[in-house]
Amino acid sequence: MKKYICTVCEYIYDPEQGDLESGIEPGTAFEDIPDDWTCPLCGVGKEDFEPYEG
């Protein structure tokens, strides 16, 4: 699964790790995260993320 990076703070969402503090289980693809999810570091929405190629 593809990782995504926040264009504001550079937090990387890794689907293998998920975001347990927000209730996102490991193995959850970015596309399957609820639309109201926000970056755990800076609080922006999914629209401010882009695919990470690193």
N, C-alpha and C. Protein backbone atom coordinates (compact mmCIF):
# COMPACT_ATOMS: atom_id res chain seq x y z
N MET A 1 0.85 -1.20 0.00
CA MET A 1 0.00 0.00 0.00
C MET A 1 0.89 1.25 0.00
N LYS A 2 0.37 2.29 -0.60
CA LYS A 2 1.11 3.51 -0.79
C LYS A 2 1.08 4.39 0.46
N LYS A 3 2.22 5.03 0.76
CA LYS A 3 2.29 6.00 1.85
C LYS A 3 1.88 7.37 1.31
N TYR A 4 1.42 8.23 2.21
CA TYR A 4 1.04 9.60 1.85
C TYR A 4 1.72 10.56 2.80
N ILE A 5 2.09 11.75 2.27
CA ILE A 5 2.78 12.75 3.07
C ILE A 5 1.94 14.02 3.18
N CYS A 6 1.94 14.60 4.37
CA CYS A 6 1.26 15.87 4.60
C CYS A 6 2.10 16.98 3.98
N THR A 7 1.48 17.79 3.13
CA THR A 7 2.21 18.87 2.46
C THR A 7 2.47 20.05 3.38
N VAL A 8 1.87 20.05 4.57
CA VAL A 8 2.07 21.15 5.51
C VAL A 8 3.21 20.84 6.49
N CYS A 9 3.17 19.65 7.13
CA CYS A 9 4.16 19.36 8.17
C CYS A 9 5.05 18.17 7.85
N GLU A 10 4.79 17.51 6.73
CA GLU A 10 5.58 16.36 6.26
C GLU A 10 5.39 15.09 7.08
N TYR A 11 4.28 15.00 7.85
CA TYR A 11 3.93 13.74 8.49
C TYR A 11 3.65 12.72 7.40
N ILE A 12 4.16 11.51 7.56
CA ILE A 12 3.93 10.45 6.59
C ILE A 12 2.95 9.44 7.15
N TYR A 13 1.83 9.28 6.44
CA TYR A 13 0.87 8.23 6.82
C TYR A 13 1.34 6.93 6.19
N ASP A 14 1.63 5.95 7.04
CA ASP A 14 2.06 4.63 6.60
C ASP A 14 0.93 3.65 6.87
N PRO A 15 0.31 3.11 5.82
CA PRO A 15 -0.83 2.21 6.04
C PRO A 15 -0.47 0.96 6.84
N GLU A 16 0.77 0.56 6.84
CA GLU A 16 1.17 -0.61 7.62
C GLU A 16 1.11 -0.32 9.13
N GLN A 17 1.23 0.97 9.51
CA GLN A 17 1.17 1.36 10.91
C GLN A 17 -0.19 1.92 11.30
N GLY A 18 -0.91 2.49 10.35
CA GLY A 18 -2.18 3.13 10.64
C GLY A 18 -1.99 4.36 11.52
N ASP A 19 -3.02 4.76 12.24
CA ASP A 19 -2.97 5.89 13.17
C ASP A 19 -3.86 5.50 14.36
N LEU A 20 -3.27 4.71 15.24
CA LEU A 20 -4.05 4.14 16.34
C LEU A 20 -4.69 5.21 17.23
N GLU A 21 -4.03 6.34 17.42
CA GLU A 21 -4.60 7.40 18.27
C GLU A 21 -5.90 7.95 17.68
N SER A 22 -6.05 7.84 16.37
CA SER A 22 -7.28 8.30 15.71
C SER A 22 -8.22 7.15 15.37
N GLY A 23 -7.87 5.95 15.82
CA GLY A 23 -8.72 4.80 15.57
C GLY A 23 -8.54 4.16 14.21
N ILE A 24 -7.45 4.48 13.53
CA ILE A 24 -7.18 3.91 12.21
C ILE A 24 -6.27 2.69 12.40
N GLU A 25 -6.80 1.52 12.13
CA GLU A 25 -6.08 0.28 12.36
C GLU A 25 -4.94 0.09 11.35
N PRO A 26 -3.86 -0.59 11.76
CA PRO A 26 -2.81 -0.96 10.80
C PRO A 26 -3.42 -1.75 9.65
N GLY A 27 -2.91 -1.50 8.45
CA GLY A 27 -3.43 -2.17 7.26
C GLY A 27 -4.53 -1.39 6.57
N THR A 28 -4.82 -0.16 7.04
CA THR A 28 -5.87 0.67 6.43
C THR A 28 -5.26 1.55 5.36
N ALA A 29 -5.70 1.36 4.12
CA ALA A 29 -5.22 2.18 3.01
C ALA A 29 -5.66 3.64 3.22
N PHE A 30 -4.87 4.57 2.73
CA PHE A 30 -5.20 6.00 2.86
C PHE A 30 -6.59 6.29 2.30
N GLU A 31 -6.91 5.66 1.17
CA GLU A 31 -8.21 5.87 0.53
C GLU A 31 -9.37 5.42 1.41
N ASP A 32 -9.11 4.52 2.35
CA ASP A 32 -10.17 3.98 3.21
C ASP A 32 -10.32 4.72 4.54
N ILE A 33 -9.45 5.70 4.79
CA ILE A 33 -9.56 6.50 6.00
C ILE A 33 -10.80 7.41 5.86
N PRO A 34 -11.56 7.60 6.93
CA PRO A 34 -12.73 8.50 6.84
C PRO A 34 -12.33 9.90 6.37
N ASP A 35 -13.23 10.54 5.62
CA ASP A 35 -12.95 11.86 5.06
C ASP A 35 -12.73 12.93 6.12
N ASP A 36 -13.22 12.70 7.36
CA ASP A 36 -13.04 13.71 8.40
C ASP A 36 -11.76 13.49 9.22
N TRP A 37 -10.93 12.52 8.83
CA TRP A 37 -9.64 12.29 9.50
C TRP A 37 -8.75 13.49 9.26
N THR A 38 -7.94 13.83 10.27
CA THR A 38 -7.00 14.94 10.13
C THR A 38 -5.59 14.49 10.49
N CYS A 39 -4.62 15.21 10.00
CA CYS A 39 -3.22 14.92 10.29
C CYS A 39 -3.01 14.97 11.81
N PRO A 40 -2.40 13.92 12.37
CA PRO A 40 -2.21 13.90 13.82
C PRO A 40 -1.19 14.91 14.33
N LEU A 41 -0.39 15.48 13.44
CA LEU A 41 0.60 16.46 13.88
C LEU A 41 0.13 17.91 13.73
N CYS A 42 -0.49 18.23 12.57
CA CYS A 42 -0.84 19.63 12.36
C CYS A 42 -2.33 19.88 12.16
N GLY A 43 -3.13 18.82 12.00
CA GLY A 43 -4.57 18.98 11.97
C GLY A 43 -5.22 19.27 10.64
N VAL A 44 -4.45 19.29 9.54
CA VAL A 44 -5.07 19.54 8.23
C VAL A 44 -5.79 18.28 7.76
N GLY A 45 -6.66 18.43 6.77
CA GLY A 45 -7.45 17.31 6.27
C GLY A 45 -6.73 16.49 5.21
N LYS A 46 -7.40 15.43 4.78
CA LYS A 46 -6.82 14.52 3.79
C LYS A 46 -6.47 15.22 2.48
N GLU A 47 -7.16 16.31 2.17
CA GLU A 47 -6.90 17.02 0.92
C GLU A 47 -5.50 17.63 0.86
N ASP A 48 -4.84 17.74 2.01
CA ASP A 48 -3.50 18.30 2.06
C ASP A 48 -2.42 17.22 2.08
N PHE A 49 -2.78 16.01 1.71
CA PHE A 49 -1.82 14.91 1.59
C PHE A 49 -1.63 14.56 0.13
N GLU A 50 -0.43 14.09 -0.18
CA GLU A 50 -0.16 13.61 -1.53
C GLU A 50 0.65 12.32 -1.44
N PRO A 51 0.64 11.52 -2.50
CA PRO A 51 1.39 10.26 -2.47
C PRO A 51 2.87 10.51 -2.15
N TYR A 52 3.43 9.65 -1.33
CA TYR A 52 4.83 9.76 -0.91
C TYR A 52 5.65 8.72 -1.67
N GLU A 53 6.70 9.18 -2.32
CA GLU A 53 7.50 8.29 -3.14
C GLU A 53 8.85 7.97 -2.52
N GLY A 54 9.04 8.28 -1.23
CA GLY A 54 10.33 8.12 -0.60
C GLY A 54 10.71 6.74 -0.21
